[in-house]
Amino acid sequence: MIDKTMTIREMCDAFDVTPRTLRFYEAKELLFPVREGQKRLFTKRDRARLKLILRGKRFGFSLEEIRQLLDLYDMGDQQQTQLARTYEIASDRLADMVAQRDELNEAIGDLQDQLKWGEKMLASMNTAKNAAE
């Protein structure tokens, strides 16, 4: 059975990306479409790689980290090295995201406190202004 290829337009529609994004990933050697003249044809392997690239980007992995992880696929150890390295990077990324969330929650709390203070100040100024009239 011949592996069905997809055109750049089909890939864009299927994965909600732009042609520029696909060309960029190709230039970064993350995707390797088959060339027929000027036409790019993406294989099942390219589709699987793009799915992993987009997931990695969503989680905040760098393109270099993603490239290294994708390159580990062909090591011949049933992806054990790839899985172990992915787990390591993902664990580090999760810790970073939790720390960022905690910092953001603290900043949100501080800003909410400042807004409450500002509301009280404005209310007391309006009360004083109305009393003076």
N, C-alpha and C. Protein backbone atom coordinates (compact mmCIF):
# COMPACT_ATOMS: atom_id res chain seq x y z
N MET A 1 0.84 -1.20 0.00
CA MET A 1 0.00 0.00 0.00
C MET A 1 0.88 1.25 0.00
N ILE A 2 0.58 2.16 -0.87
CA ILE A 2 1.36 3.39 -0.99
C ILE A 2 0.90 4.36 0.10
N ASP A 3 1.89 4.94 0.77
CA ASP A 3 1.60 5.93 1.82
C ASP A 3 1.01 7.17 1.17
N LYS A 4 -0.17 7.57 1.57
CA LYS A 4 -0.81 8.75 1.00
C LYS A 4 -0.05 9.99 1.45
N THR A 5 0.31 10.79 0.48
CA THR A 5 0.98 12.05 0.80
C THR A 5 -0.06 13.16 0.81
N MET A 6 0.34 14.26 1.43
CA MET A 6 -0.53 15.43 1.49
C MET A 6 0.22 16.62 0.92
N THR A 7 -0.53 17.48 0.26
CA THR A 7 0.06 18.72 -0.25
C THR A 7 0.22 19.71 0.90
N ILE A 8 0.91 20.78 0.61
CA ILE A 8 1.10 21.81 1.63
C ILE A 8 -0.25 22.39 2.07
N ARG A 9 -1.18 22.55 1.11
CA ARG A 9 -2.51 23.09 1.44
C ARG A 9 -3.26 22.12 2.35
N GLU A 10 -3.20 20.83 2.03
CA GLU A 10 -3.87 19.82 2.87
C GLU A 10 -3.28 19.79 4.28
N MET A 11 -1.97 19.94 4.37
CA MET A 11 -1.32 19.97 5.68
C MET A 11 -1.77 21.20 6.46
N CYS A 12 -1.82 22.34 5.78
CA CYS A 12 -2.26 23.58 6.44
C CYS A 12 -3.67 23.43 6.98
N ASP A 13 -4.55 22.85 6.17
CA ASP A 13 -5.93 22.67 6.59
C ASP A 13 -6.05 21.66 7.73
N ALA A 14 -5.30 20.57 7.64
CA ALA A 14 -5.40 19.50 8.64
C ALA A 14 -4.84 19.92 9.99
N PHE A 15 -3.78 20.75 9.98
CA PHE A 15 -3.10 21.09 11.24
C PHE A 15 -3.26 22.55 11.64
N ASP A 16 -4.03 23.32 10.88
CA ASP A 16 -4.27 24.73 11.17
C ASP A 16 -2.96 25.51 11.30
N VAL A 17 -2.10 25.34 10.31
CA VAL A 17 -0.83 26.08 10.23
C VAL A 17 -0.77 26.77 8.87
N THR A 18 0.18 27.67 8.74
CA THR A 18 0.35 28.38 7.48
C THR A 18 1.41 27.70 6.62
N PRO A 19 1.39 27.94 5.31
CA PRO A 19 2.46 27.42 4.46
C PRO A 19 3.84 27.90 4.93
N ARG A 20 3.88 29.13 5.39
CA ARG A 20 5.15 29.69 5.88
C ARG A 20 5.68 28.86 7.06
N THR A 21 4.77 28.43 7.96
CA THR A 21 5.16 27.62 9.10
C THR A 21 5.77 26.31 8.62
N LEU A 22 5.12 25.67 7.66
CA LEU A 22 5.64 24.39 7.15
C LEU A 22 7.00 24.58 6.48
N ARG A 23 7.15 25.64 5.70
CA ARG A 23 8.45 25.90 5.07
C ARG A 23 9.52 26.20 6.12
N PHE A 24 9.13 26.91 7.18
CA PHE A 24 10.07 27.21 8.26
C PHE A 24 10.54 25.92 8.93
N TYR A 25 9.59 25.02 9.25
CA TYR A 25 9.97 23.75 9.88
C TYR A 25 10.82 22.90 8.94
N GLU A 26 10.57 23.01 7.66
CA GLU A 26 11.40 22.29 6.69
C GLU A 26 12.82 22.87 6.69
N ALA A 27 12.92 24.20 6.70
CA ALA A 27 14.23 24.85 6.71
C ALA A 27 15.01 24.51 7.98
N LYS A 28 14.30 24.31 9.08
CA LYS A 28 14.94 23.96 10.36
C LYS A 28 15.21 22.46 10.47
N GLU A 29 14.93 21.73 9.38
CA GLU A 29 15.15 20.29 9.30
C GLU A 29 14.35 19.52 10.34
N LEU A 30 13.10 19.97 10.51
CA LEU A 30 12.15 19.26 11.37
C LEU A 30 11.19 18.42 10.53
N LEU A 31 10.94 18.87 9.30
CA LEU A 31 10.10 18.14 8.36
C LEU A 31 10.89 17.91 7.08
N PHE A 32 10.57 16.80 6.40
CA PHE A 32 11.32 16.44 5.19
C PHE A 32 10.35 16.02 4.08
N PRO A 33 9.57 16.98 3.55
CA PRO A 33 8.63 16.60 2.50
C PRO A 33 9.35 16.12 1.24
N VAL A 34 8.67 15.25 0.51
CA VAL A 34 9.17 14.79 -0.78
C VAL A 34 8.93 15.90 -1.78
N ARG A 35 9.89 16.14 -2.63
CA ARG A 35 9.75 17.21 -3.63
C ARG A 35 9.42 16.61 -4.99
N GLU A 36 8.41 17.15 -5.62
CA GLU A 36 8.09 16.86 -7.02
C GLU A 36 8.09 18.19 -7.73
N GLY A 37 9.22 18.56 -8.27
CA GLY A 37 9.38 19.90 -8.86
C GLY A 37 9.30 20.92 -7.75
N GLN A 38 8.36 21.86 -7.89
CA GLN A 38 8.17 22.87 -6.85
C GLN A 38 7.21 22.41 -5.76
N LYS A 39 6.57 21.29 -6.00
CA LYS A 39 5.54 20.78 -5.10
C LYS A 39 6.16 20.04 -3.92
N ARG A 40 5.63 20.31 -2.72
CA ARG A 40 6.05 19.58 -1.52
C ARG A 40 4.96 18.58 -1.18
N LEU A 41 5.34 17.33 -0.96
CA LEU A 41 4.39 16.30 -0.57
C LEU A 41 4.82 15.74 0.79
N PHE A 42 3.89 15.79 1.72
CA PHE A 42 4.19 15.39 3.10
C PHE A 42 3.69 13.96 3.34
N THR A 43 4.57 13.14 3.91
CA THR A 43 4.27 11.73 4.16
C THR A 43 3.63 11.56 5.54
N LYS A 44 3.24 10.32 5.80
CA LYS A 44 2.68 9.99 7.11
C LYS A 44 3.68 10.35 8.22
N ARG A 45 4.96 10.10 7.97
CA ARG A 45 6.01 10.43 8.95
C ARG A 45 6.06 11.94 9.20
N ASP A 46 5.96 12.74 8.14
CA ASP A 46 5.93 14.20 8.29
C ASP A 46 4.73 14.63 9.13
N ARG A 47 3.58 14.00 8.89
CA ARG A 47 2.38 14.35 9.66
C ARG A 47 2.57 14.02 11.14
N ALA A 48 3.17 12.88 11.43
CA ALA A 48 3.43 12.50 12.83
C ALA A 48 4.42 13.48 13.46
N ARG A 49 5.45 13.85 12.71
CA ARG A 49 6.45 14.79 13.23
C ARG A 49 5.81 16.16 13.49
N LEU A 50 4.95 16.63 12.56
CA LEU A 50 4.31 17.93 12.74
C LEU A 50 3.42 17.91 13.98
N LYS A 51 2.71 16.84 14.18
CA LYS A 51 1.86 16.71 15.37
C LYS A 51 2.71 16.85 16.64
N LEU A 52 3.87 16.20 16.66
CA LEU A 52 4.77 16.30 17.83
C LEU A 52 5.38 17.69 17.95
N ILE A 53 5.72 18.30 16.83
CA ILE A 53 6.28 19.67 16.85
C ILE A 53 5.27 20.63 17.47
N LEU A 54 4.03 20.55 17.00
CA LEU A 54 3.00 21.47 17.50
C LEU A 54 2.71 21.22 18.98
N ARG A 55 2.72 19.97 19.39
CA ARG A 55 2.51 19.67 20.80
C ARG A 55 3.68 20.21 21.64
N GLY A 56 4.90 20.01 21.16
CA GLY A 56 6.06 20.53 21.86
C GLY A 56 6.03 22.04 21.98
N LYS A 57 5.66 22.74 20.89
CA LYS A 57 5.55 24.19 20.93
C LYS A 57 4.50 24.62 21.94
N ARG A 58 3.37 23.91 21.97
CA ARG A 58 2.29 24.25 22.91
C ARG A 58 2.77 24.15 24.36
N PHE A 59 3.65 23.20 24.61
CA PHE A 59 4.18 23.01 25.96
C PHE A 59 5.39 23.90 26.24
N GLY A 60 5.81 24.68 25.26
CA GLY A 60 6.91 25.62 25.47
C GLY A 60 8.29 25.05 25.22
N PHE A 61 8.38 23.90 24.55
CA PHE A 61 9.69 23.36 24.20
C PHE A 61 10.29 24.25 23.11
N SER A 62 11.60 24.40 23.12
CA SER A 62 12.26 25.15 22.06
C SER A 62 12.31 24.29 20.80
N LEU A 63 12.47 24.94 19.65
CA LEU A 63 12.58 24.17 18.41
C LEU A 63 13.80 23.26 18.43
N GLU A 64 14.85 23.70 19.06
CA GLU A 64 16.05 22.87 19.15
C GLU A 64 15.78 21.63 20.00
N GLU A 65 15.07 21.79 21.11
CA GLU A 65 14.71 20.63 21.93
C GLU A 65 13.83 19.66 21.13
N ILE A 66 12.88 20.22 20.39
CA ILE A 66 11.99 19.38 19.58
C ILE A 66 12.79 18.63 18.52
N ARG A 67 13.70 19.33 17.85
CA ARG A 67 14.52 18.69 16.82
C ARG A 67 15.33 17.55 17.40
N GLN A 68 15.95 17.79 18.56
CA GLN A 68 16.75 16.74 19.20
C GLN A 68 15.89 15.53 19.57
N LEU A 69 14.69 15.79 20.09
CA LEU A 69 13.80 14.69 20.46
C LEU A 69 13.36 13.90 19.23
N LEU A 70 13.04 14.59 18.15
CA LEU A 70 12.63 13.91 16.93
C LEU A 70 13.78 13.08 16.36
N ASP A 71 15.00 13.61 16.46
CA ASP A 71 16.16 12.88 15.96
C ASP A 71 16.42 11.60 16.73
N LEU A 72 16.00 11.55 18.00
CA LEU A 72 16.21 10.36 18.82
C LEU A 72 15.30 9.19 18.41
N TYR A 73 14.30 9.47 17.58
CA TYR A 73 13.35 8.43 17.19
C TYR A 73 14.04 7.26 16.48
N ASP A 74 15.05 7.56 15.69
CA ASP A 74 15.70 6.55 14.85
C ASP A 74 16.87 5.85 15.51
N MET A 75 16.98 5.91 16.82
CA MET A 75 18.13 5.30 17.50
C MET A 75 18.08 3.77 17.52
N GLY A 76 16.92 3.20 17.30
CA GLY A 76 16.83 1.75 17.26
C GLY A 76 16.66 1.10 18.62
N ASP A 77 16.27 1.88 19.60
CA ASP A 77 16.07 1.30 20.95
C ASP A 77 14.59 1.34 21.33
N GLN A 78 13.73 1.23 20.32
CA GLN A 78 12.27 1.27 20.52
C GLN A 78 11.84 2.55 21.22
N GLN A 79 12.51 3.62 20.89
CA GLN A 79 12.23 4.97 21.38
C GLN A 79 12.44 5.15 22.89
N GLN A 80 13.18 4.24 23.52
CA GLN A 80 13.42 4.38 24.96
C GLN A 80 14.19 5.65 25.27
N THR A 81 15.25 5.93 24.51
CA THR A 81 16.04 7.15 24.73
C THR A 81 15.19 8.38 24.47
N GLN A 82 14.41 8.34 23.39
CA GLN A 82 13.54 9.47 23.04
C GLN A 82 12.52 9.72 24.15
N LEU A 83 11.92 8.66 24.64
CA LEU A 83 10.91 8.80 25.70
C LEU A 83 11.53 9.32 26.99
N ALA A 84 12.70 8.80 27.34
CA ALA A 84 13.37 9.24 28.58
C ALA A 84 13.75 10.72 28.50
N ARG A 85 14.28 11.14 27.34
CA ARG A 85 14.68 12.54 27.18
C ARG A 85 13.46 13.45 27.14
N THR A 86 12.39 12.99 26.49
CA THR A 86 11.15 13.76 26.45
C THR A 86 10.61 13.94 27.86
N TYR A 87 10.64 12.88 28.63
CA TYR A 87 10.15 12.94 30.01
C TYR A 87 10.97 13.95 30.82
N GLU A 88 12.27 13.94 30.64
CA GLU A 88 13.16 14.86 31.36
C GLU A 88 12.85 16.33 30.99
N ILE A 89 12.76 16.60 29.69
CA ILE A 89 12.48 17.97 29.25
C ILE A 89 11.08 18.39 29.71
N ALA A 90 10.10 17.49 29.59
CA ALA A 90 8.74 17.82 29.99
C ALA A 90 8.65 18.08 31.49
N SER A 91 9.37 17.32 32.28
CA SER A 91 9.36 17.53 33.74
C SER A 91 9.93 18.90 34.08
N ASP A 92 11.04 19.26 33.43
CA ASP A 92 11.63 20.59 33.65
C ASP A 92 10.66 21.69 33.21
N ARG A 93 10.02 21.49 32.07
CA ARG A 93 9.09 22.50 31.56
C ARG A 93 7.89 22.66 32.49
N LEU A 94 7.38 21.53 33.01
CA LEU A 94 6.25 21.59 33.94
C LEU A 94 6.64 22.38 35.19
N ALA A 95 7.83 22.13 35.70
CA ALA A 95 8.28 22.86 36.89
C ALA A 95 8.35 24.36 36.60
N ASP A 96 8.84 24.72 35.40
CA ASP A 96 8.90 26.14 35.01
C ASP A 96 7.50 26.73 34.92
N MET A 97 6.58 25.98 34.31
CA MET A 97 5.21 26.48 34.15
C MET A 97 4.52 26.66 35.50
N VAL A 98 4.74 25.74 36.43
CA VAL A 98 4.14 25.85 37.76
C VAL A 98 4.70 27.08 38.47
N ALA A 99 6.02 27.29 38.35
CA ALA A 99 6.63 28.47 38.98
C ALA A 99 6.07 29.76 38.36
N GLN A 100 5.92 29.78 37.04
CA GLN A 100 5.35 30.95 36.37
C GLN A 100 3.92 31.19 36.83
N ARG A 101 3.15 30.11 36.94
CA ARG A 101 1.76 30.24 37.40
C ARG A 101 1.72 30.79 38.81
N ASP A 102 2.59 30.29 39.69
CA ASP A 102 2.61 30.77 41.06
C ASP A 102 2.97 32.25 41.13
N GLU A 103 3.96 32.66 40.32
CA GLU A 103 4.33 34.08 40.26
C GLU A 103 3.17 34.93 39.74
N LEU A 104 2.48 34.42 38.73
CA LEU A 104 1.34 35.13 38.17
C LEU A 104 0.21 35.23 39.18
N ASN A 105 -0.08 34.14 39.89
CA ASN A 105 -1.12 34.18 40.93
C ASN A 105 -0.79 35.21 42.00
N GLU A 106 0.48 35.29 42.38
CA GLU A 106 0.90 36.27 43.39
C GLU A 106 0.72 37.70 42.87
N ALA A 107 1.11 37.91 41.61
CA ALA A 107 0.96 39.24 41.01
C ALA A 107 -0.52 39.62 40.89
N ILE A 108 -1.35 38.65 40.52
CA ILE A 108 -2.79 38.89 40.43
C ILE A 108 -3.35 39.28 41.80
N GLY A 109 -2.95 38.56 42.83
CA GLY A 109 -3.40 38.88 44.19
C GLY A 109 -2.97 40.28 44.61
N ASP A 110 -1.72 40.63 44.32
CA ASP A 110 -1.23 41.98 44.65
C ASP A 110 -2.01 43.06 43.91
N LEU A 111 -2.27 42.81 42.63
CA LEU A 111 -3.01 43.79 41.84
C LEU A 111 -4.45 43.92 42.34
N GLN A 112 -5.06 42.81 42.70
CA GLN A 112 -6.42 42.87 43.26
C GLN A 112 -6.44 43.68 44.55
N ASP A 113 -5.43 43.49 45.40
CA ASP A 113 -5.33 44.27 46.65
C ASP A 113 -5.18 45.76 46.33
N GLN A 114 -4.37 46.10 45.32
CA GLN A 114 -4.18 47.49 44.95
C GLN A 114 -5.48 48.10 44.42
N LEU A 115 -6.21 47.33 43.65
CA LEU A 115 -7.49 47.83 43.13
C LEU A 115 -8.50 48.06 44.26
N LYS A 116 -8.53 47.17 45.23
CA LYS A 116 -9.42 47.36 46.39
C LYS A 116 -9.04 48.62 47.14
N TRP A 117 -7.75 48.83 47.33
CA TRP A 117 -7.27 50.03 48.01
C TRP A 117 -7.70 51.26 47.20
N GLY A 118 -7.52 51.19 45.87
CA GLY A 118 -7.89 52.31 45.01
C GLY A 118 -9.39 52.60 45.07
N GLU A 119 -10.21 51.55 45.11
CA GLU A 119 -11.66 51.73 45.23
C GLU A 119 -12.01 52.45 46.53
N LYS A 120 -11.38 52.03 47.63
CA LYS A 120 -11.63 52.66 48.93
C LYS A 120 -11.21 54.13 48.91
N MET A 121 -10.05 54.39 48.32
CA MET A 121 -9.57 55.77 48.26
C MET A 121 -10.52 56.63 47.44
N LEU A 122 -10.95 56.13 46.29
CA LEU A 122 -11.88 56.89 45.44
C LEU A 122 -13.21 57.10 46.16
N ALA A 123 -13.70 56.06 46.82
CA ALA A 123 -14.97 56.18 47.55
C ALA A 123 -14.86 57.21 48.66
N SER A 124 -13.75 57.20 49.41
CA SER A 124 -13.60 58.16 50.52
C SER A 124 -13.43 59.58 49.97
N MET A 125 -12.77 59.73 48.82
CA MET A 125 -12.63 61.05 48.22
C MET A 125 -13.97 61.58 47.73
N ASN A 126 -14.77 60.70 47.15
CA ASN A 126 -16.11 61.10 46.71
C ASN A 126 -17.00 61.46 47.89
N THR A 127 -16.87 60.71 48.97
CA THR A 127 -17.66 60.99 50.18
C THR A 127 -17.26 62.35 50.75
N ALA A 128 -15.94 62.61 50.82
CA ALA A 128 -15.46 63.91 51.33
C ALA A 128 -15.89 65.05 50.41
N LYS A 129 -15.84 64.81 49.10
CA LYS A 129 -16.24 65.83 48.14
C LYS A 129 -17.73 66.15 48.27
N ASN A 130 -18.54 65.09 48.39
CA ASN A 130 -19.99 65.29 48.53
C ASN A 130 -20.33 65.98 49.84
N ALA A 131 -19.59 65.68 50.89
CA ALA A 131 -19.86 66.30 52.20
C ALA A 131 -19.50 67.77 52.16
N ALA A 132 -18.49 68.15 51.38
CA ALA A 132 -18.07 69.54 51.29
C ALA A 132 -19.03 70.39 50.46
N GLU A 133 -19.85 69.73 49.64
CA GLU A 133 -20.75 70.51 48.77
C GLU A 133 -21.98 70.97 49.48
